[in-house]
């Protein structure tokens, strides 16, 4: 008898939850094109391509399909890059994100750190000029940058600092909340508009794709602490509403913090995790030389997730054992 025919190997693992995250990110992707030109969409596409190819090389060795989570990581990573990011920086970052932020731990579901944050942190440290000193100004007019490849090539279209960086330094007032909602500001290409982030984020919240208690705890902690410090007169601390709407915080709250793999699996752990990231982000953003405090705060908190879940589960086991012992007695 001949050997049975080989079944066709599935190249891509279907993950409906990950598809919902990609769908939720489309308003931010559209906003990046509108404000900074079609090059932004090309950065997302290139990130998708190299994320897929990198994960495919690892998955092929293990005989596993590529997870659709790779496209989520690529989208999030691309949207938090500067609009004028050089191509080699974008590619190096996403390859590092998938290879060293995910695959070295064994692939999907096993990574400790958020892959998108891992990749961005790597290029942030290795290419500081490209990542921190050249920010494209958004296009003006009703058509925005829909007729342009990029706004970076226009005269006087590059600034050395974002509005929120200037506000932190005390050299300028923070933008009005209406401007933060609209998003016609310099910054990372897909997270300047709080309104567009909310459109996608509320979809994740409504469909329960992202953990609700984690989102709410995180936003409240961040906003309240900022407001308290502002009322106490701490230098250059703006009000809580401005803080929540600015610097892509909401994008982090809805799309980054809620990564199901690198965030806690226990409910008490999620609450602690949300508070921890909020506090760390405030400290790093305002009391260090790094403006990108959110990235570092997530990666630091990721290290505590396993011990948080372990401690909480062990505590529940001890309580259950004590309760059963008392019932038997």
C-alpha atoms as a PDB file:
ATOM      1  CA  UNK A   1       0.000   0.000   0.000  1.00  0.00           C
ATOM      2  CA  UNK A   2       1.225   3.458  -0.814  1.00  0.00           C
ATOM      3  CA  UNK A   3       1.745   6.126   1.831  1.00  0.00           C
ATOM      4  CA  UNK A   4      -1.216   8.443   2.414  1.00  0.00           C
ATOM      5  CA  UNK A   5      -1.017  11.792   0.671  1.00  0.00           C
ATOM      6  CA  UNK A   6       0.388  14.657   2.715  1.00  0.00           C
ATOM      7  CA  UNK A   7      -2.175  17.139   3.942  1.00  0.00           C
ATOM      8  CA  UNK A   8      -1.643  20.674   2.772  1.00  0.00           C
ATOM      9  CA  UNK A   9       0.108  22.608   5.494  1.00  0.00           C
ATOM     10  CA  UNK A  10      -1.707  25.723   6.683  1.00  0.00           C
ATOM     11  CA  UNK A  11       0.554  28.741   6.341  1.00  0.00           C
ATOM     12  CA  UNK A  12      -1.551  31.114   8.447  1.00  0.00           C
ATOM     13  CA  UNK A  13      -3.305  30.367  11.733  1.00  0.00           C
ATOM     14  CA  UNK A  14      -6.804  31.846  11.857  1.00  0.00           C
ATOM     15  CA  UNK A  15      -7.275  34.053  14.916  1.00  0.00           C
ATOM     16  CA  UNK A  16     -10.556  36.015  14.882  1.00  0.00           C
ATOM     17  CA  UNK A  17      -9.554  38.066  17.929  1.00  0.00           C
ATOM     18  CA  UNK A  18      -6.411  39.284  16.178  1.00  0.00           C
ATOM     19  CA  UNK A  19      -8.434  40.192  13.106  1.00  0.00           C
ATOM     20  CA  UNK A  20     -10.689  42.349  15.265  1.00  0.00           C
ATOM     21  CA  UNK A  21      -7.634  44.178  16.620  1.00  0.00           C
ATOM     22  CA  UNK A  22      -6.392  44.850  13.079  1.00  0.00           C
ATOM     23  CA  UNK A  23      -9.867  46.068  12.126  1.00  0.00           C
ATOM     24  CA  UNK A  24      -9.924  48.358  15.165  1.00  0.00           C
ATOM     25  CA  UNK A  25      -6.613  49.884  14.101  1.00  0.00           C
ATOM     26  CA  UNK A  26      -7.877  50.950  10.661  1.00  0.00           C
ATOM     27  CA  UNK A  27      -9.034  54.434  11.815  1.00  0.00           C
ATOM     28  CA  UNK A  28      -5.507  55.102  13.071  1.00  0.00           C
ATOM     29  CA  UNK A  29      -4.000  53.820   9.832  1.00  0.00           C
ATOM     30  CA  UNK A  30      -6.364  56.051   7.848  1.00  0.00           C
ATOM     31  CA  UNK A  31      -5.444  58.982  10.072  1.00  0.00           C
ATOM     32  CA  UNK A  32      -1.738  58.415   9.476  1.00  0.00           C
ATOM     33  CA  UNK A  33      -2.332  58.638   5.724  1.00  0.00           C
ATOM     34  CA  UNK A  34      -4.528  61.728   6.041  1.00  0.00           C
ATOM     35  CA  UNK A  35      -2.097  63.626   8.243  1.00  0.00           C
ATOM     36  CA  UNK A  36       1.290  62.476   6.919  1.00  0.00           C
ATOM     37  CA  UNK A  37       0.804  60.958   3.455  1.00  0.00           C
ATOM     38  CA  UNK A  38       0.660  57.554   1.765  1.00  0.00           C
ATOM     39  CA  UNK A  39       4.159  56.679   2.919  1.00  0.00           C
ATOM     40  CA  UNK A  40       2.585  55.872   6.292  1.00  0.00           C
ATOM     41  CA  UNK A  41       0.503  53.108   4.732  1.00  0.00           C
ATOM     42  CA  UNK A  42       3.620  51.811   3.008  1.00  0.00           C
ATOM     43  CA  UNK A  43       5.408  51.634   6.391  1.00  0.00           C
ATOM     44  CA  UNK A  44       2.529  49.527   7.733  1.00  0.00           C
ATOM     45  CA  UNK A  45       2.639  47.257   4.656  1.00  0.00           C
ATOM     46  CA  UNK A  46       6.414  46.786   4.880  1.00  0.00           C
ATOM     47  CA  UNK A  47       6.094  45.999   8.587  1.00  0.00           C
ATOM     48  CA  UNK A  48       3.450  43.368   7.776  1.00  0.00           C
ATOM     49  CA  UNK A  49       5.692  41.801   5.126  1.00  0.00           C
ATOM     50  CA  UNK A  50       8.788  41.500   7.292  1.00  0.00           C
ATOM     51  CA  UNK A  51       6.801  40.410  10.348  1.00  0.00           C
ATOM     52  CA  UNK A  52       5.292  37.573   8.303  1.00  0.00           C
ATOM     53  CA  UNK A  53       8.604  36.535   6.741  1.00  0.00           C
ATOM     54  CA  UNK A  54      10.434  36.573  10.087  1.00  0.00           C
ATOM     55  CA  UNK A  55       7.803  34.506  11.861  1.00  0.00           C
ATOM     56  CA  UNK A  56       7.516  32.147   8.877  1.00  0.00           C
ATOM     57  CA  UNK A  57      11.216  31.264   9.091  1.00  0.00           C
ATOM     58  CA  UNK A  58      10.794  30.219  12.725  1.00  0.00           C
ATOM     59  CA  UNK A  59       7.415  28.520  12.301  1.00  0.00           C
ATOM     60  CA  UNK A  60       8.639  26.511   9.336  1.00  0.00           C
ATOM     61  CA  UNK A  61      11.251  24.840  11.545  1.00  0.00           C
ATOM     62  CA  UNK A  62       8.596  23.957  14.118  1.00  0.00           C
ATOM     63  CA  UNK A  63       6.039  22.861  11.541  1.00  0.00           C
ATOM     64  CA  UNK A  64       3.571  25.504  12.740  1.00  0.00           C
ATOM     65  CA  UNK A  65       1.538  28.112  10.849  1.00  0.00           C
ATOM     66  CA  UNK A  66       2.251  31.820  11.198  1.00  0.00           C
ATOM     67  CA  UNK A  67      -0.036  33.469  13.751  1.00  0.00           C
ATOM     68  CA  UNK A  68      -2.195  36.382  12.663  1.00  0.00           C
ATOM     69  CA  UNK A  69      -0.918  38.071  15.825  1.00  0.00           C
ATOM     70  CA  UNK A  70       2.195  38.908  13.779  1.00  0.00           C
ATOM     71  CA  UNK A  71       0.119  41.385  11.763  1.00  0.00           C
ATOM     72  CA  UNK A  72      -1.228  42.938  14.966  1.00  0.00           C
ATOM     73  CA  UNK A  73       2.303  43.450  16.272  1.00  0.00           C
ATOM     74  CA  UNK A  74       3.394  44.873  12.906  1.00  0.00           C
ATOM     75  CA  UNK A  75       0.474  47.316  12.752  1.00  0.00           C
ATOM     76  CA  UNK A  76       0.948  48.571  16.312  1.00  0.00           C
ATOM     77  CA  UNK A  77       4.699  48.868  15.794  1.00  0.00           C
ATOM     78  CA  UNK A  78       4.323  50.827  12.550  1.00  0.00           C
ATOM     79  CA  UNK A  79       1.749  53.250  13.963  1.00  0.00           C
ATOM     80  CA  UNK A  80       4.039  54.308  16.812  1.00  0.00           C
ATOM     81  CA  UNK A  81       6.956  55.195  14.536  1.00  0.00           C
ATOM     82  CA  UNK A  82       7.772  58.739  13.375  1.00  0.00           C
ATOM     83  CA  UNK A  83       6.246  59.462   9.925  1.00  0.00           C
ATOM     84  CA  UNK A  84       9.690  60.069   8.435  1.00  0.00           C
ATOM     85  CA  UNK A  85      11.291  56.935   9.889  1.00  0.00           C
ATOM     86  CA  UNK A  86      13.970  55.546   7.525  1.00  0.00           C
ATOM     87  CA  UNK A  87      13.059  52.274   5.846  1.00  0.00           C
ATOM     88  CA  UNK A  88      15.974  50.343   7.304  1.00  0.00           C
ATOM     89  CA  UNK A  89      15.010  51.411  10.833  1.00  0.00           C
ATOM     90  CA  UNK A  90      11.407  50.272  10.366  1.00  0.00           C
ATOM     91  CA  UNK A  91      12.511  46.902   8.959  1.00  0.00           C
ATOM     92  CA  UNK A  92      15.173  46.221  11.594  1.00  0.00           C
ATOM     93  CA  UNK A  93      12.707  47.027  14.362  1.00  0.00           C
ATOM     94  CA  UNK A  94       9.928  44.696  13.224  1.00  0.00           C
ATOM     95  CA  UNK A  95      12.365  41.843  12.523  1.00  0.00           C
ATOM     96  CA  UNK A  96      13.788  42.248  16.026  1.00  0.00           C
ATOM     97  CA  UNK A  97      10.271  42.481  17.474  1.00  0.00           C
ATOM     98  CA  UNK A  98       9.167  39.151  16.031  1.00  0.00           C
ATOM     99  CA  UNK A  99      12.477  37.289  16.374  1.00  0.00           C
ATOM    100  CA  UNK A 100      13.578  38.415  19.835  1.00  0.00           C
ATOM    101  CA  UNK A 101      10.301  39.631  21.297  1.00  0.00           C
ATOM    102  CA  UNK A 102       8.314  36.540  20.388  1.00  0.00           C
ATOM    103  CA  UNK A 103       9.943  33.631  18.579  1.00  0.00           C
ATOM    104  CA  UNK A 104      12.917  33.101  20.891  1.00  0.00           C
ATOM    105  CA  UNK A 105      10.388  32.344  23.645  1.00  0.00           C
ATOM    106  CA  UNK A 106       8.750  29.635  21.527  1.00  0.00           C
ATOM    107  CA  UNK A 107       6.279  31.539  19.387  1.00  0.00           C
ATOM    108  CA  UNK A 108       2.747  32.773  19.907  1.00  0.00           C
ATOM    109  CA  UNK A 109       1.421  32.556  23.442  1.00  0.00           C
ATOM    110  CA  UNK A 110       4.826  32.093  25.070  1.00  0.00           C
ATOM    111  CA  UNK A 111       6.448  35.519  24.880  1.00  0.00           C
ATOM    112  CA  UNK A 112       7.031  37.529  28.046  1.00  0.00           C
ATOM    113  CA  UNK A 113       7.378  40.969  26.466  1.00  0.00           C
ATOM    114  CA  UNK A 114       5.059  42.832  24.141  1.00  0.00           C
ATOM    115  CA  UNK A 115       6.645  42.276  20.693  1.00  0.00           C
ATOM    116  CA  UNK A 116       5.753  45.691  19.259  1.00  0.00           C
ATOM    117  CA  UNK A 117       7.218  47.458  22.285  1.00  0.00           C
ATOM    118  CA  UNK A 118      10.307  45.265  22.127  1.00  0.00           C
ATOM    119  CA  UNK A 119      10.963  46.234  18.523  1.00  0.00           C
ATOM    120  CA  UNK A 120      10.354  49.916  19.100  1.00  0.00           C
ATOM    121  CA  UNK A 121      12.569  49.967  22.170  1.00  0.00           C
ATOM    122  CA  UNK A 122      15.387  48.376  20.167  1.00  0.00           C
ATOM    123  CA  UNK A 123      15.330  50.967  17.383  1.00  0.00           C
ATOM    124  CA  UNK A 124      14.708  53.772  19.908  1.00  0.00           C
ATOM    125  CA  UNK A 125      18.015  52.924  21.575  1.00  0.00           C
ATOM    126  CA  UNK A 126      19.963  52.033  18.419  1.00  0.00           C
ATOM    127  CA  UNK A 127      18.737  54.891  16.187  1.00  0.00           C
ATOM    128  CA  UNK A 128      17.989  57.790  18.569  1.00  0.00           C
ATOM    129  CA  UNK A 129      18.300  60.524  15.943  1.00  0.00           C
ATOM    130  CA  UNK A 130      15.850  58.878  13.553  1.00  0.00           C
ATOM    131  CA  UNK A 131      13.413  58.105  16.372  1.00  0.00           C
ATOM    132  CA  UNK A 132      13.492  61.309  18.422  1.00  0.00           C
ATOM    133  CA  UNK A 133      14.836  64.319  16.533  1.00  0.00           C
ATOM    134  CA  UNK A 134      12.908  64.492  13.233  1.00  0.00           C
ATOM    135  CA  UNK A 135       9.120  64.831  13.342  1.00  0.00           C
ATOM    136  CA  UNK A 136       6.996  65.563  10.290  1.00  0.00           C
ATOM    137  CA  UNK A 137       4.390  68.279  10.537  1.00  0.00           C
ATOM    138  CA  UNK A 138       0.871  67.226   9.485  1.00  0.00           C
ATOM    139  CA  UNK A 139      -0.601  68.456   6.233  1.00  0.00           C
ATOM    140  CA  UNK A 140      -3.106  71.299   6.356  1.00  0.00           C
ATOM    141  CA  UNK A 141      -6.357  71.819   4.457  1.00  0.00           C
ATOM    142  CA  UNK A 142      -9.444  69.628   4.077  1.00  0.00           C
ATOM    143  CA  UNK A 143      -7.662  67.050   1.916  1.00  0.00           C
ATOM    144  CA  UNK A 144      -4.787  66.725   4.354  1.00  0.00           C
ATOM    145  CA  UNK A 145      -1.970  64.646   2.858  1.00  0.00           C
ATOM    146  CA  UNK A 146      -4.220  62.461   0.701  1.00  0.00           C
ATOM    147  CA  UNK A 147      -2.532  63.848  -2.418  1.00  0.00           C
ATOM    148  CA  UNK A 148       1.000  63.462  -1.076  1.00  0.00           C
ATOM    149  CA  UNK A 149       3.439  60.616  -0.615  1.00  0.00           C
ATOM    150  CA  UNK A 150       4.804  62.222   2.559  1.00  0.00           C
ATOM    151  CA  UNK A 151       4.791  65.568   4.323  1.00  0.00           C
ATOM    152  CA  UNK A 152       8.468  65.179   5.256  1.00  0.00           C
ATOM    153  CA  UNK A 153       9.640  66.405   1.863  1.00  0.00           C
ATOM    154  CA  UNK A 154       7.846  69.739   2.041  1.00  0.00           C
ATOM    155  CA  UNK A 155       9.679  72.972   2.968  1.00  0.00           C
ATOM    156  CA  UNK A 156       9.628  73.629   6.723  1.00  0.00           C
ATOM    157  CA  UNK A 157       7.868  70.292   7.227  1.00  0.00           C
ATOM    158  CA  UNK A 158      10.243  68.940   9.860  1.00  0.00           C
ATOM    159  CA  UNK A 159      10.273  69.882  13.523  1.00  0.00           C
ATOM    160  CA  UNK A 160      12.769  68.812  16.159  1.00  0.00           C
ATOM    161  CA  UNK A 161      10.174  68.248  18.883  1.00  0.00           C
ATOM    162  CA  UNK A 162       6.520  67.324  19.269  1.00  0.00           C
ATOM    163  CA  UNK A 163       4.060  69.662  21.035  1.00  0.00           C
ATOM    164  CA  UNK A 164       3.947  67.381  24.080  1.00  0.00           C
ATOM    165  CA  UNK A 165       7.755  67.349  24.320  1.00  0.00           C
ATOM    166  CA  UNK A 166       7.770  71.137  24.320  1.00  0.00           C
ATOM    167  CA  UNK A 167       5.075  71.122  27.002  1.00  0.00           C
ATOM    168  CA  UNK A 168       7.162  68.773  29.143  1.00  0.00           C
ATOM    169  CA  UNK A 169      10.167  71.086  28.816  1.00  0.00           C
ATOM    170  CA  UNK A 170       8.020  74.037  29.801  1.00  0.00           C
ATOM    171  CA  UNK A 171       8.783  75.948  26.590  1.00  0.00           C
ATOM    172  CA  UNK A 172       5.208  75.791  25.283  1.00  0.00           C
ATOM    173  CA  UNK A 173       1.703  75.178  26.534  1.00  0.00           C
ATOM    174  CA  UNK A 174       0.150  71.797  25.722  1.00  0.00           C
ATOM    175  CA  UNK A 175      -2.345  71.750  22.835  1.00  0.00           C
ATOM    176  CA  UNK A 176      -6.038  72.281  23.566  1.00  0.00           C
ATOM    177  CA  UNK A 177      -8.080  69.124  24.050  1.00  0.00           C
ATOM    178  CA  UNK A 178      -9.978  69.775  20.815  1.00  0.00           C
ATOM    179  CA  UNK A 179      -6.668  69.722  18.905  1.00  0.00           C
ATOM    180  CA  UNK A 180      -5.653  66.500  20.655  1.00  0.00           C
ATOM    181  CA  UNK A 181      -8.943  64.934  19.600  1.00  0.00           C
ATOM    182  CA  UNK A 182      -8.539  66.075  15.988  1.00  0.00           C
ATOM    183  CA  UNK A 183      -4.892  65.031  15.797  1.00  0.00           C
ATOM    184  CA  UNK A 184      -3.436  67.568  13.361  1.00  0.00           C
ATOM    185  CA  UNK A 185      -0.191  67.581  15.358  1.00  0.00           C
ATOM    186  CA  UNK A 186       3.321  66.288  14.892  1.00  0.00           C
ATOM    187  CA  UNK A 187       3.998  62.956  16.546  1.00  0.00           C
ATOM    188  CA  UNK A 188       4.034  59.241  15.871  1.00  0.00           C
ATOM    189  CA  UNK A 189       2.228  58.709  12.609  1.00  0.00           C
ATOM    190  CA  UNK A 190      -0.854  56.792  13.786  1.00  0.00           C
ATOM    191  CA  UNK A 191      -1.546  58.051  17.287  1.00  0.00           C
ATOM    192  CA  UNK A 192      -1.916  61.833  17.092  1.00  0.00           C
ATOM    193  CA  UNK A 193      -5.732  61.775  17.006  1.00  0.00           C
ATOM    194  CA  UNK A 194      -7.416  60.698  20.241  1.00  0.00           C
ATOM    195  CA  UNK A 195     -10.760  60.571  18.412  1.00  0.00           C
ATOM    196  CA  UNK A 196      -9.555  58.019  15.853  1.00  0.00           C
ATOM    197  CA  UNK A 197      -7.968  55.947  18.618  1.00  0.00           C
ATOM    198  CA  UNK A 198     -11.249  55.999  20.521  1.00  0.00           C
ATOM    199  CA  UNK A 199     -13.174  54.809  17.454  1.00  0.00           C
ATOM    200  CA  UNK A 200     -11.079  51.658  17.298  1.00  0.00           C
ATOM    201  CA  UNK A 201     -10.576  51.341  21.038  1.00  0.00           C
ATOM    202  CA  UNK A 202     -14.275  51.457  21.867  1.00  0.00           C
ATOM    203  CA  UNK A 203     -14.844  48.715  19.288  1.00  0.00           C
ATOM    204  CA  UNK A 204     -12.335  46.550  21.173  1.00  0.00           C
ATOM    205  CA  UNK A 205     -14.060  47.468  24.442  1.00  0.00           C
ATOM    206  CA  UNK A 206     -17.588  46.795  23.145  1.00  0.00           C
ATOM    207  CA  UNK A 207     -16.700  43.432  21.583  1.00  0.00           C
ATOM    208  CA  UNK A 208     -14.712  42.437  24.699  1.00  0.00           C
ATOM    209  CA  UNK A 209     -11.687  41.837  22.507  1.00  0.00           C
ATOM    210  CA  UNK A 210      -9.676  43.846  25.045  1.00  0.00           C
ATOM    211  CA  UNK A 211     -10.081  43.388  28.794  1.00  0.00           C
ATOM    212  CA  UNK A 212     -12.412  46.084  30.081  1.00  0.00           C
ATOM    213  CA  UNK A 213     -11.256  46.242  33.694  1.00  0.00           C
ATOM    214  CA  UNK A 214      -7.637  46.632  32.581  1.00  0.00           C
ATOM    215  CA  UNK A 215      -8.508  49.539  30.284  1.00  0.00           C
ATOM    216  CA  UNK A 216     -10.682  51.352  32.824  1.00  0.00           C
ATOM    217  CA  UNK A 217      -8.244  50.888  35.717  1.00  0.00           C
ATOM    218  CA  UNK A 218      -5.332  52.110  33.633  1.00  0.00           C
ATOM    219  CA  UNK A 219      -7.040  55.219  32.246  1.00  0.00           C
ATOM    220  CA  UNK A 220      -8.499  56.276  35.587  1.00  0.00           C
ATOM    221  CA  UNK A 221      -5.188  55.806  37.421  1.00  0.00           C
ATOM    222  CA  UNK A 222      -3.253  57.792  34.820  1.00  0.00           C
ATOM    223  CA  UNK A 223      -5.761  60.616  34.549  1.00  0.00           C
ATOM    224  CA  UNK A 224      -6.355  60.993  38.298  1.00  0.00           C
ATOM    225  CA  UNK A 225      -2.643  60.983  39.166  1.00  0.00           C
ATOM    226  CA  UNK A 226      -1.916  63.590  36.509  1.00  0.00           C
ATOM    227  CA  UNK A 227      -4.772  65.745  37.761  1.00  0.00           C
ATOM    228  CA  UNK A 228      -3.626  65.502  41.388  1.00  0.00           C
ATOM    229  CA  UNK A 229      -0.040  66.404  40.502  1.00  0.00           C
ATOM    230  CA  UNK A 230      -1.323  69.268  38.352  1.00  0.00           C
ATOM    231  CA  UNK A 231      -3.414  70.617  41.234  1.00  0.00           C
ATOM    232  CA  UNK A 232      -0.443  70.326  43.583  1.00  0.00           C
ATOM    233  CA  UNK A 233       1.517  72.545  41.216  1.00  0.00           C
ATOM    234  CA  UNK A 234       4.197  70.051  40.244  1.00  0.00           C
ATOM    235  CA  UNK A 235       6.292  71.592  37.492  1.00  0.00           C
ATOM    236  CA  UNK A 236       4.992  71.157  33.933  1.00  0.00           C
ATOM    237  CA  UNK A 237       2.249  68.686  34.885  1.00  0.00           C
ATOM    238  CA  UNK A 238      -0.829  69.466  32.811  1.00  0.00           C
ATOM    239  CA  UNK A 239      -4.377  68.481  33.723  1.00  0.00           C
ATOM    240  CA  UNK A 240      -5.651  64.912  33.662  1.00  0.00           C
ATOM    241  CA  UNK A 241      -7.834  65.253  30.546  1.00  0.00           C
ATOM    242  CA  UNK A 242      -4.950  66.644  28.498  1.00  0.00           C
ATOM    243  CA  UNK A 243      -2.708  63.834  29.735  1.00  0.00           C
ATOM    244  CA  UNK A 244      -5.193  61.119  28.768  1.00  0.00           C
ATOM    245  CA  UNK A 245      -5.792  62.592  25.304  1.00  0.00           C
ATOM    246  CA  UNK A 246      -2.125  63.290  24.508  1.00  0.00           C
ATOM    247  CA  UNK A 247       1.016  61.470  23.416  1.00  0.00           C
ATOM    248  CA  UNK A 248      -0.821  58.379  22.204  1.00  0.00           C
ATOM    249  CA  UNK A 249      -1.768  57.338  25.741  1.00  0.00           C
ATOM    250  CA  UNK A 250      -5.182  56.033  24.683  1.00  0.00           C
ATOM    251  CA  UNK A 251      -3.565  53.971  21.933  1.00  0.00           C
ATOM    252  CA  UNK A 252      -1.419  52.339  24.589  1.00  0.00           C
ATOM    253  CA  UNK A 253      -4.403  51.769  26.868  1.00  0.00           C
ATOM    254  CA  UNK A 254      -6.553  50.078  24.218  1.00  0.00           C
ATOM    255  CA  UNK A 255      -4.047  48.418  21.868  1.00  0.00           C
ATOM    256  CA  UNK A 256      -0.760  47.840  23.729  1.00  0.00           C
ATOM    257  CA  UNK A 257      -1.547  47.281  27.379  1.00  0.00           C
ATOM    258  CA  UNK A 258      -4.266  44.742  26.568  1.00  0.00           C
ATOM    259  CA  UNK A 259      -2.056  42.312  24.658  1.00  0.00           C
ATOM    260  CA  UNK A 260      -3.493  38.983  25.893  1.00  0.00           C
ATOM    261  CA  UNK A 261      -0.129  37.208  26.021  1.00  0.00           C
ATOM    262  CA  UNK A 262       2.115  39.711  27.794  1.00  0.00           C
ATOM    263  CA  UNK A 263      -0.571  40.987  30.212  1.00  0.00           C
ATOM    264  CA  UNK A 264      -1.828  39.080  33.298  1.00  0.00           C
ATOM    265  CA  UNK A 265      -4.427  36.337  32.967  1.00  0.00           C
ATOM    266  CA  UNK A 266      -5.903  36.894  36.436  1.00  0.00           C
ATOM    267  CA  UNK A 267      -8.338  39.689  37.192  1.00  0.00           C
ATOM    268  CA  UNK A 268      -6.492  41.070  40.265  1.00  0.00           C
ATOM    269  CA  UNK A 269      -3.255  40.854  38.268  1.00  0.00           C
ATOM    270  CA  UNK A 270      -4.757  42.951  35.481  1.00  0.00           C
ATOM    271  CA  UNK A 271      -5.772  45.679  37.917  1.00  0.00           C
ATOM    272  CA  UNK A 272      -2.307  45.761  39.499  1.00  0.00           C
ATOM    273  CA  UNK A 273      -0.711  45.707  36.047  1.00  0.00           C
ATOM    274  CA  UNK A 274      -2.828  48.631  34.818  1.00  0.00           C
ATOM    275  CA  UNK A 275      -1.911  50.722  37.861  1.00  0.00           C
ATOM    276  CA  UNK A 276       1.763  49.760  37.587  1.00  0.00           C
ATOM    277  CA  UNK A 277       2.090  50.801  33.943  1.00  0.00           C
ATOM    278  CA  UNK A 278       0.277  54.094  34.606  1.00  0.00           C
ATOM    279  CA  UNK A 279       2.544  55.010  37.521  1.00  0.00           C
ATOM    280  CA  UNK A 280       5.722  53.999  35.711  1.00  0.00           C
ATOM    281  CA  UNK A 281       4.705  55.932  32.584  1.00  0.00           C
ATOM    282  CA  UNK A 282       4.140  59.104  34.603  1.00  0.00           C
ATOM    283  CA  UNK A 283       7.477  58.772  36.387  1.00  0.00           C
ATOM    284  CA  UNK A 284       9.528  58.013  33.276  1.00  0.00           C
ATOM    285  CA  UNK A 285       7.822  60.578  31.045  1.00  0.00           C
ATOM    286  CA  UNK A 286       8.177  63.434  33.501  1.00  0.00           C
ATOM    287  CA  UNK A 287      11.231  62.727  35.639  1.00  0.00           C
ATOM    288  CA  UNK A 288      13.672  61.175  33.166  1.00  0.00           C
ATOM    289  CA  UNK A 289      15.332  62.215  29.928  1.00  0.00           C
ATOM    290  CA  UNK A 290      13.147  59.771  27.984  1.00  0.00           C
ATOM    291  CA  UNK A 291       9.956  61.195  26.518  1.00  0.00           C
ATOM    292  CA  UNK A 292       8.720  57.758  25.514  1.00  0.00           C
ATOM    293  CA  UNK A 293       7.919  56.628  29.037  1.00  0.00           C
ATOM    294  CA  UNK A 294       5.013  54.442  28.005  1.00  0.00           C
ATOM    295  CA  UNK A 295       7.183  52.050  26.037  1.00  0.00           C
ATOM    296  CA  UNK A 296       9.582  51.492  28.917  1.00  0.00           C
ATOM    297  CA  UNK A 297       6.772  51.246  31.468  1.00  0.00           C
ATOM    298  CA  UNK A 298       5.074  48.435  29.541  1.00  0.00           C
ATOM    299  CA  UNK A 299       8.289  46.450  29.130  1.00  0.00           C
ATOM    300  CA  UNK A 300       9.201  46.839  32.801  1.00  0.00           C
ATOM    301  CA  UNK A 301       5.717  45.772  33.905  1.00  0.00           C
ATOM    302  CA  UNK A 302       5.843  42.789  31.514  1.00  0.00           C
ATOM    303  CA  UNK A 303       8.621  41.323  33.663  1.00  0.00           C
ATOM    304  CA  UNK A 304       6.302  41.212  36.682  1.00  0.00           C
ATOM    305  CA  UNK A 305       3.354  39.555  34.915  1.00  0.00           C
ATOM    306  CA  UNK A 306       4.408  35.905  35.521  1.00  0.00           C
ATOM    307  CA  UNK A 307       5.030  36.456  39.235  1.00  0.00           C
ATOM    308  CA  UNK A 308       1.780  38.432  39.569  1.00  0.00           C
ATOM    309  CA  UNK A 309      -0.265  35.595  38.094  1.00  0.00           C
ATOM    310  CA  UNK A 310       1.648  32.958  40.058  1.00  0.00           C
ATOM    311  CA  UNK A 311       1.212  34.775  43.379  1.00  0.00           C
ATOM    312  CA  UNK A 312      -2.495  35.368  42.852  1.00  0.00           C
ATOM    313  CA  UNK A 313      -3.175  31.774  41.767  1.00  0.00           C
ATOM    314  CA  UNK A 314      -1.219  30.363  44.703  1.00  0.00           C
ATOM    315  CA  UNK A 315      -3.101  32.603  47.103  1.00  0.00           C
ATOM    316  CA  UNK A 316      -6.409  31.340  45.700  1.00  0.00           C
ATOM    317  CA  UNK A 317      -5.244  27.742  46.072  1.00  0.00           C
ATOM    318  CA  UNK A 318      -4.297  28.303  49.719  1.00  0.00           C
ATOM    319  CA  UNK A 319      -7.624  29.931  50.441  1.00  0.00           C
ATOM    320  CA  UNK A 320      -9.493  27.069  48.775  1.00  0.00           C
ATOM    321  CA  UNK A 321      -7.446  24.503  50.708  1.00  0.00           C
ATOM    322  CA  UNK A 322      -8.091  26.306  53.988  1.00  0.00           C
ATOM    323  CA  UNK A 323     -11.810  26.528  53.244  1.00  0.00           C
ATOM    324  CA  UNK A 324     -12.022  22.801  52.435  1.00  0.00           C
ATOM    325  CA  UNK A 325     -10.100  21.998  55.604  1.00  0.00           C
ATOM    326  CA  UNK A 326     -12.504  24.001  57.727  1.00  0.00           C
ATOM    327  CA  UNK A 327     -15.480  22.324  56.046  1.00  0.00           C
ATOM    328  CA  UNK A 328     -14.025  18.889  56.729  1.00  0.00           C
ATOM    329  CA  UNK A 329     -13.405  19.793  60.362  1.00  0.00           C
END
